[in-house]
Amino acid sequence: MNYFYHPGLDQSTTQFSFSREESRHIAKVLRKKDGDVLHITNGKGFLFTAEITLADVKNCQGKVLEVKKHIPAKHTLHLAVAPTKRLERFQLFLEKATEIGVDEITPIYCMRSERRKLPKERL
C-alpha cells in the first residue's frame, strides 16, 4: 500500500491538489486513474483516505473520503547497537530499523568495536 505525504491537508479539507512532482509520480509512475483511492498523511497524526478526481501529470486532484486520527502506541522501542566495521551495513540497519518502527537507536562502543567514530550528518 502506498502512502502519500501532503502537509496542507487538515480535518476540514474536502478538495485538494498535489504538487507537480507528486502528481507526476501518481499519474505517470504509479498509473493511477480517476476514481482510484489513495492513502495520505499530513505528518501531524492524521490519515486521509481520498479518491482521485483528476489524474493529470501536472495537477493531480482529489477529494477526501475519510479522516482518521492516528493514536500513537503506548510503548517505545529503543535499540542499542555497536556500529559495524563497514559503514554501509550500519546505514542499512538504520534504514530497516526505522522502517519497522524503532523509535530510538543508540550506538554503543564495545571493547572489541572496530569503528569508534560515526559521521552523524550522514546517518
PDB file of N, CA and C in Angstrom:
ATOM      1  N   MET A   1       0.845  -1.172   0.000  1.00  0.00           N
ATOM      2  CA  MET A   1       0.000   0.000   0.000  1.00  0.00           C
ATOM      3  C   MET A   1       0.893   1.238   0.000  1.00  0.00           C
ATOM      4  N   ASN A   2       0.612   2.167  -0.882  1.00  0.00           N
ATOM      5  CA  ASN A   2       1.373   3.413  -0.963  1.00  0.00           C
ATOM      6  C   ASN A   2       0.742   4.474  -0.086  1.00  0.00           C
ATOM      7  N   TYR A   3       1.584   5.188   0.643  1.00  0.00           N
ATOM      8  CA  TYR A   3       1.140   6.339   1.423  1.00  0.00           C
ATOM      9  C   TYR A   3       1.773   7.578   0.816  1.00  0.00           C
ATOM     10  N   PHE A   4       1.008   8.630   0.722  1.00  0.00           N
ATOM     11  CA  PHE A   4       1.496   9.883   0.171  1.00  0.00           C
ATOM     12  C   PHE A   4       1.515  10.927   1.275  1.00  0.00           C
ATOM     13  N   TYR A   5       2.385  11.901   1.124  1.00  0.00           N
ATOM     14  CA  TYR A   5       2.537  12.971   2.105  1.00  0.00           C
ATOM     15  C   TYR A   5       2.026  14.271   1.509  1.00  0.00           C
ATOM     16  N   HIS A   6       1.117  14.909   2.224  1.00  0.00           N
ATOM     17  CA  HIS A   6       0.589  16.211   1.803  1.00  0.00           C
ATOM     18  C   HIS A   6       0.426  17.066   3.058  1.00  0.00           C
ATOM     19  N   PRO A   7       1.391  17.971   3.336  1.00  0.00           N
ATOM     20  CA  PRO A   7       1.343  18.744   4.576  1.00  0.00           C
ATOM     21  C   PRO A   7       0.197  19.744   4.652  1.00  0.00           C
ATOM     22  N   GLY A   8      -0.446  20.052   3.534  1.00  0.00           N
ATOM     23  CA  GLY A   8      -1.511  21.053   3.529  1.00  0.00           C
ATOM     24  C   GLY A   8      -2.878  20.530   3.927  1.00  0.00           C
ATOM     25  N   LEU A   9      -3.020  19.240   4.138  1.00  0.00           N
ATOM     26  CA  LEU A   9      -4.323  18.686   4.497  1.00  0.00           C
ATOM     27  C   LEU A   9      -4.583  18.825   5.994  1.00  0.00           C
ATOM     28  N   ASP A  10      -5.837  19.077   6.331  1.00  0.00           N
ATOM     29  CA  ASP A  10      -6.254  19.060   7.729  1.00  0.00           C
ATOM     30  C   ASP A  10      -7.658  18.452   7.812  1.00  0.00           C
ATOM     31  N   GLN A  11      -8.242  18.425   8.996  1.00  0.00           N
ATOM     32  CA  GLN A  11      -9.523  17.750   9.208  1.00  0.00           C
ATOM     33  C   GLN A  11     -10.655  18.340   8.376  1.00  0.00           C
ATOM     34  N   SER A  12     -10.578  19.612   8.059  1.00  0.00           N
ATOM     35  CA  SER A  12     -11.674  20.265   7.347  1.00  0.00           C
ATOM     36  C   SER A  12     -11.511  20.249   5.828  1.00  0.00           C
ATOM     37  N   THR A  13     -10.408  19.734   5.321  1.00  0.00           N
ATOM     38  CA  THR A  13     -10.153  19.710   3.877  1.00  0.00           C
ATOM     39  C   THR A  13     -11.085  18.721   3.190  1.00  0.00           C
ATOM     40  N   THR A  14     -11.694  19.165   2.091  1.00  0.00           N
ATOM     41  CA  THR A  14     -12.531  18.257   1.301  1.00  0.00           C
ATOM     42  C   THR A  14     -11.949  18.048  -0.097  1.00  0.00           C
ATOM     43  N   GLN A  15     -11.388  19.087  -0.688  1.00  0.00           N
ATOM     44  CA  GLN A  15     -10.770  19.022  -2.017  1.00  0.00           C
ATOM     45  C   GLN A  15      -9.318  19.454  -1.894  1.00  0.00           C
ATOM     46  N   PHE A  16      -8.438  18.878  -2.698  1.00  0.00           N
ATOM     47  CA  PHE A  16      -7.020  19.241  -2.646  1.00  0.00           C
ATOM     48  C   PHE A  16      -6.358  18.890  -3.966  1.00  0.00           C
ATOM     49  N   SER A  17      -5.158  19.391  -4.149  1.00  0.00           N
ATOM     50  CA  SER A  17      -4.352  19.020  -5.318  1.00  0.00           C
ATOM     51  C   SER A  17      -2.915  18.782  -4.872  1.00  0.00           C
ATOM     52  N   PHE A  18      -2.238  17.904  -5.580  1.00  0.00           N
ATOM     53  CA  PHE A  18      -0.858  17.572  -5.268  1.00  0.00           C
ATOM     54  C   PHE A  18       0.093  18.498  -6.011  1.00  0.00           C
ATOM     55  N   SER A  19       1.338  18.527  -5.557  1.00  0.00           N
ATOM     56  CA  SER A  19       2.375  19.293  -6.245  1.00  0.00           C
ATOM     57  C   SER A  19       2.639  18.655  -7.604  1.00  0.00           C
ATOM     58  N   ARG A  20       3.340  19.376  -8.450  1.00  0.00           N
ATOM     59  CA  ARG A  20       3.631  18.896  -9.804  1.00  0.00           C
ATOM     60  C   ARG A  20       4.435  17.582  -9.761  1.00  0.00           C
ATOM     61  N   GLU A  21       5.427  17.537  -8.879  1.00  0.00           N
ATOM     62  CA  GLU A  21       6.271  16.340  -8.770  1.00  0.00           C
ATOM     63  C   GLU A  21       5.468  15.133  -8.282  1.00  0.00           C
ATOM     64  N   GLU A  22       4.655  15.345  -7.259  1.00  0.00           N
ATOM     65  CA  GLU A  22       3.836  14.252  -6.716  1.00  0.00           C
ATOM     66  C   GLU A  22       2.759  13.838  -7.719  1.00  0.00           C
ATOM     67  N   SER A  23       2.213  14.796  -8.456  1.00  0.00           N
ATOM     68  CA  SER A  23       1.210  14.490  -9.481  1.00  0.00           C
ATOM     69  C   SER A  23       1.794  13.591 -10.560  1.00  0.00           C
ATOM     70  N   ARG A  24       3.009  13.894 -10.977  1.00  0.00           N
ATOM     71  CA  ARG A  24       3.677  13.067 -11.981  1.00  0.00           C
ATOM     72  C   ARG A  24       3.876  11.653 -11.449  1.00  0.00           C
ATOM     73  N   HIS A  25       4.291  11.546 -10.194  1.00  0.00           N
ATOM     74  CA  HIS A  25       4.509  10.236  -9.588  1.00  0.00           C
ATOM     75  C   HIS A  25       3.217   9.424  -9.541  1.00  0.00           C
ATOM     76  N   ILE A  26       2.133  10.064  -9.169  1.00  0.00           N
ATOM     77  CA  ILE A  26       0.842   9.370  -9.059  1.00  0.00           C
ATOM     78  C   ILE A  26       0.309   8.956 -10.431  1.00  0.00           C
ATOM     79  N   ALA A  27       0.269   9.903 -11.364  1.00  0.00           N
ATOM     80  CA  ALA A  27      -0.373   9.651 -12.653  1.00  0.00           C
ATOM     81  C   ALA A  27       0.502   8.876 -13.640  1.00  0.00           C
ATOM     82  N   LYS A  28       1.790   9.194 -13.687  1.00  0.00           N
ATOM     83  CA  LYS A  28       2.640   8.566 -14.695  1.00  0.00           C
ATOM     84  C   LYS A  28       3.361   7.326 -14.175  1.00  0.00           C
ATOM     85  N   VAL A  29       3.983   7.433 -13.012  1.00  0.00           N
ATOM     86  CA  VAL A  29       4.779   6.324 -12.492  1.00  0.00           C
ATOM     87  C   VAL A  29       3.881   5.207 -11.949  1.00  0.00           C
ATOM     88  N   LEU A  30       2.931   5.560 -11.084  1.00  0.00           N
ATOM     89  CA  LEU A  30       2.050   4.553 -10.486  1.00  0.00           C
ATOM     90  C   LEU A  30       0.838   4.240 -11.352  1.00  0.00           C
ATOM     91  N   ARG A  31       0.601   5.061 -12.382  1.00  0.00           N
ATOM     92  CA  ARG A  31      -0.505   4.883 -13.331  1.00  0.00           C
ATOM     93  C   ARG A  31      -1.869   4.843 -12.653  1.00  0.00           C
ATOM     94  N   LYS A  32      -2.055   5.735 -11.699  1.00  0.00           N
ATOM     95  CA  LYS A  32      -3.350   5.858 -11.027  1.00  0.00           C
ATOM     96  C   LYS A  32      -4.303   6.607 -11.948  1.00  0.00           C
ATOM     97  N   LYS A  33      -5.560   6.255 -11.868  1.00  0.00           N
ATOM     98  CA  LYS A  33      -6.594   6.844 -12.724  1.00  0.00           C
ATOM     99  C   LYS A  33      -7.660   7.520 -11.867  1.00  0.00           C
ATOM    100  N   ASP A  34      -8.553   8.250 -12.527  1.00  0.00           N
ATOM    101  CA  ASP A  34      -9.687   8.867 -11.835  1.00  0.00           C
ATOM    102  C   ASP A  34     -10.491   7.768 -11.128  1.00  0.00           C
ATOM    103  N   GLY A  35     -10.843   8.032  -9.871  1.00  0.00           N
ATOM    104  CA  GLY A  35     -11.624   7.071  -9.095  1.00  0.00           C
ATOM    105  C   GLY A  35     -10.787   6.155  -8.216  1.00  0.00           C
ATOM    106  N   ASP A  36      -9.461   6.107  -8.439  1.00  0.00           N
ATOM    107  CA  ASP A  36      -8.605   5.293  -7.584  1.00  0.00           C
ATOM    108  C   ASP A  36      -8.504   5.908  -6.191  1.00  0.00           C
ATOM    109  N   VAL A  37      -8.312   5.062  -5.200  1.00  0.00           N
ATOM    110  CA  VAL A  37      -8.248   5.503  -3.804  1.00  0.00           C
ATOM    111  C   VAL A  37      -6.790   5.605  -3.366  1.00  0.00           C
ATOM    112  N   LEU A  38      -6.464   6.695  -2.660  1.00  0.00           N
ATOM    113  CA  LEU A  38      -5.121   6.932  -2.127  1.00  0.00           C
ATOM    114  C   LEU A  38      -5.179   7.059  -0.614  1.00  0.00           C
ATOM    115  N   HIS A  39      -4.070   6.744   0.026  1.00  0.00           N
ATOM    116  CA  HIS A  39      -3.924   6.952   1.465  1.00  0.00           C
ATOM    117  C   HIS A  39      -2.868   8.025   1.657  1.00  0.00           C
ATOM    118  N   ILE A  40      -3.223   9.058   2.402  1.00  0.00           N
ATOM    119  CA  ILE A  40      -2.365  10.244   2.526  1.00  0.00           C
ATOM    120  C   ILE A  40      -2.190  10.579   3.999  1.00  0.00           C
ATOM    121  N   THR A  41      -0.991  11.010   4.366  1.00  0.00           N
ATOM    122  CA  THR A  41      -0.752  11.507   5.713  1.00  0.00           C
ATOM    123  C   THR A  41      -0.297  12.957   5.615  1.00  0.00           C
ATOM    124  N   ASN A  42      -0.589  13.732   6.661  1.00  0.00           N
ATOM    125  CA  ASN A  42      -0.137  15.122   6.680  1.00  0.00           C
ATOM    126  C   ASN A  42       1.049  15.314   7.617  1.00  0.00           C
ATOM    127  N   GLY A  43       1.522  14.234   8.215  1.00  0.00           N
ATOM    128  CA  GLY A  43       2.659  14.318   9.113  1.00  0.00           C
ATOM    129  C   GLY A  43       2.311  14.855  10.497  1.00  0.00           C
ATOM    130  N   LYS A  44       1.046  15.045  10.762  1.00  0.00           N
ATOM    131  CA  LYS A  44       0.598  15.574  12.060  1.00  0.00           C
ATOM    132  C   LYS A  44      -0.328  14.596  12.770  1.00  0.00           C
ATOM    133  N   GLY A  45      -0.264  13.333  12.380  1.00  0.00           N
ATOM    134  CA  GLY A  45      -1.053  12.314  13.047  1.00  0.00           C
ATOM    135  C   GLY A  45      -2.372  11.972  12.392  1.00  0.00           C
ATOM    136  N   PHE A  46      -2.643  12.506  11.217  1.00  0.00           N
ATOM    137  CA  PHE A  46      -3.895  12.206  10.535  1.00  0.00           C
ATOM    138  C   PHE A  46      -3.642  11.340   9.304  1.00  0.00           C
ATOM    139  N   LEU A  47      -4.548  10.402   9.060  1.00  0.00           N
ATOM    140  CA  LEU A  47      -4.505   9.555   7.882  1.00  0.00           C
ATOM    141  C   LEU A  47      -5.776   9.819   7.081  1.00  0.00           C
ATOM    142  N   PHE A  48      -5.605  10.178   5.823  1.00  0.00           N
ATOM    143  CA  PHE A  48      -6.726  10.519   4.952  1.00  0.00           C
ATOM    144  C   PHE A  48      -6.899   9.438   3.896  1.00  0.00           C
ATOM    145  N   THR A  49      -8.134   9.059   3.646  1.00  0.00           N
ATOM    146  CA  THR A  49      -8.468   8.210   2.517  1.00  0.00           C
ATOM    147  C   THR A  49      -9.106   9.140   1.498  1.00  0.00           C
ATOM    148  N   ALA A  50      -8.553   9.147   0.293  1.00  0.00           N
ATOM    149  CA  ALA A  50      -9.024  10.095  -0.717  1.00  0.00           C
ATOM    150  C   ALA A  50      -9.215   9.398  -2.057  1.00  0.00           C
ATOM    151  N   GLU A  51     -10.063   9.984  -2.873  1.00  0.00           N
ATOM    152  CA  GLU A  51     -10.325   9.484  -4.216  1.00  0.00           C
ATOM    153  C   GLU A  51      -9.793  10.488  -5.227  1.00  0.00           C
ATOM    154  N   ILE A  52      -9.144   9.999  -6.257  1.00  0.00           N
ATOM    155  CA  ILE A  52      -8.618  10.877  -7.308  1.00  0.00           C
ATOM    156  C   ILE A  52      -9.779  11.342  -8.171  1.00  0.00           C
ATOM    157  N   THR A  53      -9.909  12.662  -8.316  1.00  0.00           N
ATOM    158  CA  THR A  53     -10.940  13.215  -9.190  1.00  0.00           C
ATOM    159  C   THR A  53     -10.366  13.626 -10.533  1.00  0.00           C
ATOM    160  N   LEU A  54      -9.073  13.954 -10.566  1.00  0.00           N
ATOM    161  CA  LEU A  54      -8.397  14.304 -11.821  1.00  0.00           C
ATOM    162  C   LEU A  54      -6.971  13.774 -11.763  1.00  0.00           C
ATOM    163  N   ALA A  55      -6.690  12.753 -12.559  1.00  0.00           N
ATOM    164  CA  ALA A  55      -5.349  12.152 -12.584  1.00  0.00           C
ATOM    165  C   ALA A  55      -4.568  12.746 -13.743  1.00  0.00           C
ATOM    166  N   ASP A  56      -4.025  13.942 -13.525  1.00  0.00           N
ATOM    167  CA  ASP A  56      -3.248  14.635 -14.545  1.00  0.00           C
ATOM    168  C   ASP A  56      -1.786  14.656 -14.108  1.00  0.00           C
ATOM    169  N   VAL A  57      -0.879  14.547 -15.053  1.00  0.00           N
ATOM    170  CA  VAL A  57       0.552  14.512 -14.755  1.00  0.00           C
ATOM    171  C   VAL A  57       1.033  15.816 -14.120  1.00  0.00           C
ATOM    172  N   LYS A  58       0.408  16.927 -14.461  1.00  0.00           N
ATOM    173  CA  LYS A  58       0.840  18.225 -13.939  1.00  0.00           C
ATOM    174  C   LYS A  58       0.047  18.692 -12.730  1.00  0.00           C
ATOM    175  N   ASN A  59      -1.172  18.213 -12.566  1.00  0.00           N
ATOM    176  CA  ASN A  59      -2.006  18.672 -11.464  1.00  0.00           C
ATOM    177  C   ASN A  59      -3.017  17.589 -11.098  1.00  0.00           C
ATOM    178  N   CYS A  60      -2.624  16.710 -10.200  1.00  0.00           N
ATOM    179  CA  CYS A  60      -3.498  15.633  -9.738  1.00  0.00           C
ATOM    180  C   CYS A  60      -4.368  16.168  -8.597  1.00  0.00           C
ATOM    181  N   GLN A  61      -5.677  15.982  -8.718  1.00  0.00           N
ATOM    182  CA  GLN A  61      -6.608  16.491  -7.720  1.00  0.00           C
ATOM    183  C   GLN A  61      -7.396  15.350  -7.099  1.00  0.00           C
ATOM    184  N   GLY A  62      -7.897  15.584  -5.901  1.00  0.00           N
ATOM    185  CA  GLY A  62      -8.665  14.551  -5.224  1.00  0.00           C
ATOM    186  C   GLY A  62      -9.634  15.118  -4.224  1.00  0.00           C
ATOM    187  N   LYS A  63     -10.484  14.231  -3.700  1.00  0.00           N
ATOM    188  CA  LYS A  63     -11.423  14.628  -2.643  1.00  0.00           C
ATOM    189  C   LYS A  63     -11.263  13.655  -1.484  1.00  0.00           C
ATOM    190  N   VAL A  64     -11.376  14.176  -0.294  1.00  0.00           N
ATOM    191  CA  VAL A  64     -11.203  13.388   0.927  1.00  0.00           C
ATOM    192  C   VAL A  64     -12.473  12.591   1.193  1.00  0.00           C
ATOM    193  N   LEU A  65     -12.301  11.290   1.409  1.00  0.00           N
ATOM    194  CA  LEU A  65     -13.432  10.428   1.727  1.00  0.00           C
ATOM    195  C   LEU A  65     -13.548  10.168   3.229  1.00  0.00           C
ATOM    196  N   GLU A  66     -12.383  10.036   3.892  1.00  0.00           N
ATOM    197  CA  GLU A  66     -12.383   9.690   5.309  1.00  0.00           C
ATOM    198  C   GLU A  66     -11.134  10.259   5.978  1.00  0.00           C
ATOM    199  N   VAL A  67     -11.294  10.678   7.231  1.00  0.00           N
ATOM    200  CA  VAL A  67     -10.179  11.203   8.027  1.00  0.00           C
ATOM    201  C   VAL A  67     -10.099  10.400   9.317  1.00  0.00           C
ATOM    202  N   LYS A  68      -8.891   9.918   9.630  1.00  0.00           N
ATOM    203  CA  LYS A  68      -8.671   9.193  10.881  1.00  0.00           C
ATOM    204  C   LYS A  68      -7.514   9.828  11.622  1.00  0.00           C
ATOM    205  N   LYS A  69      -7.650   9.912  12.923  1.00  0.00           N
ATOM    206  CA  LYS A  69      -6.567  10.403  13.774  1.00  0.00           C
ATOM    207  C   LYS A  69      -5.776   9.200  14.234  1.00  0.00           C
ATOM    208  N   HIS A  70      -4.475   9.207  13.957  1.00  0.00           N
ATOM    209  CA  HIS A  70      -3.601   8.105  14.373  1.00  0.00           C
ATOM    210  C   HIS A  70      -3.251   8.292  15.842  1.00  0.00           C
ATOM    211  N   ILE A  71      -3.507   7.267  16.621  1.00  0.00           N
ATOM    212  CA  ILE A  71      -3.169   7.304  18.042  1.00  0.00           C
ATOM    213  C   ILE A  71      -1.847   6.574  18.221  1.00  0.00           C
ATOM    214  N   PRO A  72      -0.821   7.271  18.712  1.00  0.00           N
ATOM    215  CA  PRO A  72       0.482   6.627  18.859  1.00  0.00           C
ATOM    216  C   PRO A  72       0.452   5.499  19.884  1.00  0.00           C
ATOM    217  N   ALA A  73       1.334   4.543  19.688  1.00  0.00           N
ATOM    218  CA  ALA A  73       1.420   3.399  20.601  1.00  0.00           C
ATOM    219  C   ALA A  73       1.876   3.862  21.977  1.00  0.00           C
ATOM    220  N   LYS A  74       1.485   3.103  23.000  1.00  0.00           N
ATOM    221  CA  LYS A  74       1.841   3.464  24.365  1.00  0.00           C
ATOM    222  C   LYS A  74       3.240   3.012  24.731  1.00  0.00           C
ATOM    223  N   HIS A  75       3.866   2.245  23.871  1.00  0.00           N
ATOM    224  CA  HIS A  75       5.214   1.761  24.134  1.00  0.00           C
ATOM    225  C   HIS A  75       6.202   2.370  23.142  1.00  0.00           C
ATOM    226  N   THR A  76       7.447   2.347  23.498  1.00  0.00           N
ATOM    227  CA  THR A  76       8.502   2.783  22.582  1.00  0.00           C
ATOM    228  C   THR A  76       9.550   1.684  22.512  1.00  0.00           C
ATOM    229  N   LEU A  77      10.253   1.645  21.420  1.00  0.00           N
ATOM    230  CA  LEU A  77      11.286   0.648  21.218  1.00  0.00           C
ATOM    231  C   LEU A  77      12.621   1.359  21.044  1.00  0.00           C
ATOM    232  N   HIS A  78      13.562   1.030  21.918  1.00  0.00           N
ATOM    233  CA  HIS A  78      14.879   1.661  21.910  1.00  0.00           C
ATOM    234  C   HIS A  78      15.918   0.555  21.743  1.00  0.00           C
ATOM    235  N   LEU A  79      16.751   0.680  20.698  1.00  0.00           N
ATOM    236  CA  LEU A  79      17.800  -0.303  20.444  1.00  0.00           C
ATOM    237  C   LEU A  79      19.167   0.308  20.698  1.00  0.00           C
ATOM    238  N   ALA A  80      20.032  -0.457  21.326  1.00  0.00           N
ATOM    239  CA  ALA A  80      21.430  -0.076  21.481  1.00  0.00           C
ATOM    240  C   ALA A  80      22.231  -1.063  20.647  1.00  0.00           C
ATOM    241  N   VAL A  81      23.045  -0.557  19.740  1.00  0.00           N
ATOM    242  CA  VAL A  81      23.763  -1.430  18.816  1.00  0.00           C
ATOM    243  C   VAL A  81      25.179  -0.910  18.597  1.00  0.00           C
ATOM    244  N   ALA A  82      26.119  -1.848  18.508  1.00  0.00           N
ATOM    245  CA  ALA A  82      27.502  -1.473  18.217  1.00  0.00           C
ATOM    246  C   ALA A  82      27.643  -1.298  16.711  1.00  0.00           C
ATOM    247  N   PRO A  83      28.209  -0.186  16.250  1.00  0.00           N
ATOM    248  CA  PRO A  83      28.376   0.037  14.816  1.00  0.00           C
ATOM    249  C   PRO A  83      29.276  -1.027  14.189  1.00  0.00           C
ATOM    250  N   THR A  84      28.956  -1.398  12.974  1.00  0.00           N
ATOM    251  CA  THR A  84      29.746  -2.397  12.259  1.00  0.00           C
ATOM    252  C   THR A  84      30.976  -1.768  11.624  1.00  0.00           C
ATOM    253  N   LYS A  85      31.890  -2.609  11.207  1.00  0.00           N
ATOM    254  CA  LYS A  85      33.119  -2.135  10.580  1.00  0.00           C
ATOM    255  C   LYS A  85      32.805  -1.397   9.278  1.00  0.00           C
ATOM    256  N   ARG A  86      31.904  -1.960   8.510  1.00  0.00           N
ATOM    257  CA  ARG A  86      31.514  -1.325   7.233  1.00  0.00           C
ATOM    258  C   ARG A  86      30.338  -0.378   7.486  1.00  0.00           C
ATOM    259  N   LEU A  87      30.539   0.884   7.187  1.00  0.00           N
ATOM    260  CA  LEU A  87      29.532   1.910   7.429  1.00  0.00           C
ATOM    261  C   LEU A  87      28.246   1.648   6.641  1.00  0.00           C
ATOM    262  N   GLU A  88      28.367   1.097   5.430  1.00  0.00           N
ATOM    263  CA  GLU A  88      27.188   0.831   4.595  1.00  0.00           C
ATOM    264  C   GLU A  88      26.239  -0.149   5.280  1.00  0.00           C
ATOM    265  N   ARG A  89      26.789  -1.133   5.984  1.00  0.00           N
ATOM    266  CA  ARG A  89      25.955  -2.116   6.684  1.00  0.00           C
ATOM    267  C   ARG A  89      25.203  -1.464   7.846  1.00  0.00           C
ATOM    268  N   PHE A  90      25.873  -0.565   8.539  1.00  0.00           N
ATOM    269  CA  PHE A  90      25.225   0.130   9.647  1.00  0.00           C
ATOM    270  C   PHE A  90      24.127   1.056   9.120  1.00  0.00           C
ATOM    271  N   GLN A  91      24.364   1.700   7.984  1.00  0.00           N
ATOM    272  CA  GLN A  91      23.343   2.556   7.377  1.00  0.00           C
ATOM    273  C   GLN A  91      22.130   1.732   6.964  1.00  0.00           C
ATOM    274  N   LEU A  92      22.356   0.542   6.406  1.00  0.00           N
ATOM    275  CA  LEU A  92      21.255  -0.335   6.025  1.00  0.00           C
ATOM    276  C   LEU A  92      20.460  -0.758   7.267  1.00  0.00           C
ATOM    277  N   PHE A  93      21.168  -1.069   8.345  1.00  0.00           N
ATOM    278  CA  PHE A  93      20.491  -1.410   9.591  1.00  0.00           C
ATOM    279  C   PHE A  93      19.612  -0.258  10.066  1.00  0.00           C
ATOM    280  N   LEU A  94      20.142   0.966  10.051  1.00  0.00           N
ATOM    281  CA  LEU A  94      19.366   2.130  10.493  1.00  0.00           C
ATOM    282  C   LEU A  94      18.114   2.311   9.644  1.00  0.00           C
ATOM    283  N   GLU A  95      18.272   2.148   8.346  1.00  0.00           N
ATOM    284  CA  GLU A  95      17.142   2.309   7.431  1.00  0.00           C
ATOM    285  C   GLU A  95      16.052   1.283   7.728  1.00  0.00           C
ATOM    286  N   LYS A  96      16.430   0.037   7.855  1.00  0.00           N
ATOM    287  CA  LYS A  96      15.440  -1.022   8.090  1.00  0.00           C
ATOM    288  C   LYS A  96      14.816  -0.925   9.479  1.00  0.00           C
ATOM    289  N   ALA A  97      15.606  -0.579  10.478  1.00  0.00           N
ATOM    290  CA  ALA A  97      15.069  -0.428  11.829  1.00  0.00           C
ATOM    291  C   ALA A  97      14.052   0.706  11.880  1.00  0.00           C
ATOM    292  N   THR A  98      14.326   1.785  11.171  1.00  0.00           N
ATOM    293  CA  THR A  98      13.388   2.909  11.110  1.00  0.00           C
ATOM    294  C   THR A  98      12.101   2.494  10.411  1.00  0.00           C
ATOM    295  N   GLU A  99      12.229   1.723   9.327  1.00  0.00           N
ATOM    296  CA  GLU A  99      11.052   1.287   8.575  1.00  0.00           C
ATOM    297  C   GLU A  99      10.118   0.404   9.397  1.00  0.00           C
ATOM    298  N   ILE A 100      10.659  -0.409  10.298  1.00  0.00           N
ATOM    299  CA  ILE A 100       9.788  -1.284  11.085  1.00  0.00           C
ATOM    300  C   ILE A 100       9.276  -0.627  12.360  1.00  0.00           C
ATOM    301  N   GLY A 101       9.715   0.617  12.625  1.00  0.00           N
ATOM    302  CA  GLY A 101       9.124   1.369  13.722  1.00  0.00           C
ATOM    303  C   GLY A 101       9.951   1.512  14.981  1.00  0.00           C
ATOM    304  N   VAL A 102      11.255   1.336  14.902  1.00  0.00           N
ATOM    305  CA  VAL A 102      12.100   1.548  16.075  1.00  0.00           C
ATOM    306  C   VAL A 102      12.121   3.045  16.370  1.00  0.00           C
ATOM    307  N   ASP A 103      11.862   3.420  17.619  1.00  0.00           N
ATOM    308  CA  ASP A 103      11.764   4.829  17.980  1.00  0.00           C
ATOM    309  C   ASP A 103      13.118   5.488  18.210  1.00  0.00           C
ATOM    310  N   GLU A 104      14.034   4.777  18.867  1.00  0.00           N
ATOM    311  CA  GLU A 104      15.354   5.334  19.166  1.00  0.00           C
ATOM    312  C   GLU A 104      16.424   4.288  18.910  1.00  0.00           C
ATOM    313  N   ILE A 105      17.559   4.732  18.383  1.00  0.00           N
ATOM    314  CA  ILE A 105      18.706   3.860  18.160  1.00  0.00           C
ATOM    315  C   ILE A 105      19.921   4.557  18.751  1.00  0.00           C
ATOM    316  N   THR A 106      20.596   3.873  19.658  1.00  0.00           N
ATOM    317  CA  THR A 106      21.771   4.434  20.308  1.00  0.00           C
ATOM    318  C   THR A 106      22.991   3.592  19.945  1.00  0.00           C
ATOM    319  N   PRO A 107      23.984   4.190  19.284  1.00  0.00           N
ATOM    320  CA  PRO A 107      25.203   3.431  19.025  1.00  0.00           C
ATOM    321  C   PRO A 107      26.013   3.302  20.315  1.00  0.00           C
ATOM    322  N   ILE A 108      26.500   2.108  20.577  1.00  0.00           N
ATOM    323  CA  ILE A 108      27.340   1.896  21.751  1.00  0.00           C
ATOM    324  C   ILE A 108      28.703   1.391  21.275  1.00  0.00           C
ATOM    325  N   TYR A 109      29.715   1.745  21.995  1.00  0.00           N
ATOM    326  CA  TYR A 109      31.064   1.349  21.628  1.00  0.00           C
ATOM    327  C   TYR A 109      31.532   0.300  22.629  1.00  0.00           C
ATOM    328  N   CYS A 110      31.755  -0.897  22.143  1.00  0.00           N
ATOM    329  CA  CYS A 110      32.149  -2.025  22.975  1.00  0.00           C
ATOM    330  C   CYS A 110      33.671  -2.194  22.954  1.00  0.00           C
ATOM    331  N   MET A 111      34.156  -3.085  23.793  1.00  0.00           N
ATOM    332  CA  MET A 111      35.584  -3.304  23.908  1.00  0.00           C
ATOM    333  C   MET A 111      36.191  -3.746  22.573  1.00  0.00           C
ATOM    334  N   ARG A 112      35.478  -4.533  21.790  1.00  0.00           N
ATOM    335  CA  ARG A 112      36.005  -5.045  20.533  1.00  0.00           C
ATOM    336  C   ARG A 112      35.425  -4.343  19.303  1.00  0.00           C
ATOM    337  N   SER A 113      34.798  -3.216  19.480  1.00  0.00           N
ATOM    338  CA  SER A 113      34.259  -2.462  18.343  1.00  0.00           C
ATOM    339  C   SER A 113      35.393  -1.953  17.474  1.00  0.00           C
ATOM    340  N   GLU A 114      35.267  -2.167  16.168  1.00  0.00           N
ATOM    341  CA  GLU A 114      36.299  -1.704  15.245  1.00  0.00           C
ATOM    342  C   GLU A 114      36.060  -0.269  14.794  1.00  0.00           C
ATOM    343  N   ARG A 115      34.843   0.175  14.853  1.00  0.00           N
ATOM    344  CA  ARG A 115      34.519   1.550  14.444  1.00  0.00           C
ATOM    345  C   ARG A 115      34.257   2.364  15.700  1.00  0.00           C
ATOM    346  N   ARG A 116      35.010   3.418  15.858  1.00  0.00           N
ATOM    347  CA  ARG A 116      34.887   4.268  17.041  1.00  0.00           C
ATOM    348  C   ARG A 116      34.218   5.610  16.770  1.00  0.00           C
ATOM    349  N   LYS A 117      34.141   6.028  15.502  1.00  0.00           N
ATOM    350  CA  LYS A 117      33.532   7.302  15.145  1.00  0.00           C
ATOM    351  C   LYS A 117      32.456   7.059  14.093  1.00  0.00           C
ATOM    352  N   LEU A 118      31.374   7.802  14.215  1.00  0.00           N
ATOM    353  CA  LEU A 118      30.294   7.730  13.245  1.00  0.00           C
ATOM    354  C   LEU A 118      30.043   9.120  12.681  1.00  0.00           C
ATOM    355  N   PRO A 119      29.902   9.234  11.358  1.00  0.00           N
ATOM    356  CA  PRO A 119      29.566  10.536  10.770  1.00  0.00           C
ATOM    357  C   PRO A 119      28.075  10.843  10.991  1.00  0.00           C
ATOM    358  N   LYS A 120      27.762  11.627  11.999  1.00  0.00           N
ATOM    359  CA  LYS A 120      26.369  11.883  12.392  1.00  0.00           C
ATOM    360  C   LYS A 120      25.551  12.510  11.260  1.00  0.00           C
ATOM    361  N   GLU A 121      26.148  13.424  10.500  1.00  0.00           N
ATOM    362  CA  GLU A 121      25.393  14.080   9.430  1.00  0.00           C
ATOM    363  C   GLU A 121      24.991  13.084   8.342  1.00  0.00           C
ATOM    364  N   ARG A 122      25.787  12.052   8.135  1.00  0.00           N
ATOM    365  CA  ARG A 122      25.471  11.059   7.115  1.00  0.00           C
ATOM    366  C   ARG A 122      24.384  10.087   7.586  1.00  0.00           C
ATOM    367  N   LEU A 123      24.375   9.821   8.866  1.00  0.00           N
ATOM    368  CA  LEU A 123      23.405   8.856   9.398  1.00  0.00           C
ATOM    369  C   LEU A 123      22.088   9.548   9.694  1.00  0.00           C
TER     370      LEU A 123
END
